[in-house]
Amino acid sequence: QVQLVESGGGLVQAGGSLRLSCAASGRSFSIFAMGWFRQGPGKEREFVAAITWSGGSTYYADSVKGRFTISRDNAKNSVYLQMNGLKPEDTAVYYCAADARGGRYSRPSYYGAAYDYWGQGTQVTVSS
């Protein structure tokens, strides 16, 4: 089993920045691609960003491209989401997710069903 714990959420004004962190524990050596998803009030969960096992390739939703940056540190079993230029529509609970089936060289999925482990989420609120 793998446990994922997110941190770094909070309240920020529009245009501000936050950095989310996700730390993995347990059988973290079994994790391959990792991703961030979010669910806003009254909305369905949506893909935000993902990164390959090596960290060499990253993928973003069009809505955050150019503003958010995903990165990972395998030595620390952690993945990060740097969020700049935040907008009120970025308000959501942000979830970290890990893929334990795809393998080291798989391309991350944009679909939540492809991920095996999820964190509890961290709230991000952007005020206008």
Foldseek 3Di string as FASTA:
>chain_A
DKAKAKDWADEEAAQAKIKMKIAIDDVLVLFFKKFKWWAAVPGDIFGAKIAGRVRPDIDGDPVQPPFKDKGADVVRRMIMIIGGRDDQVVWTWMKMFTARPQDRPGDDDRDPVRTDDMYPTDTHGYHD
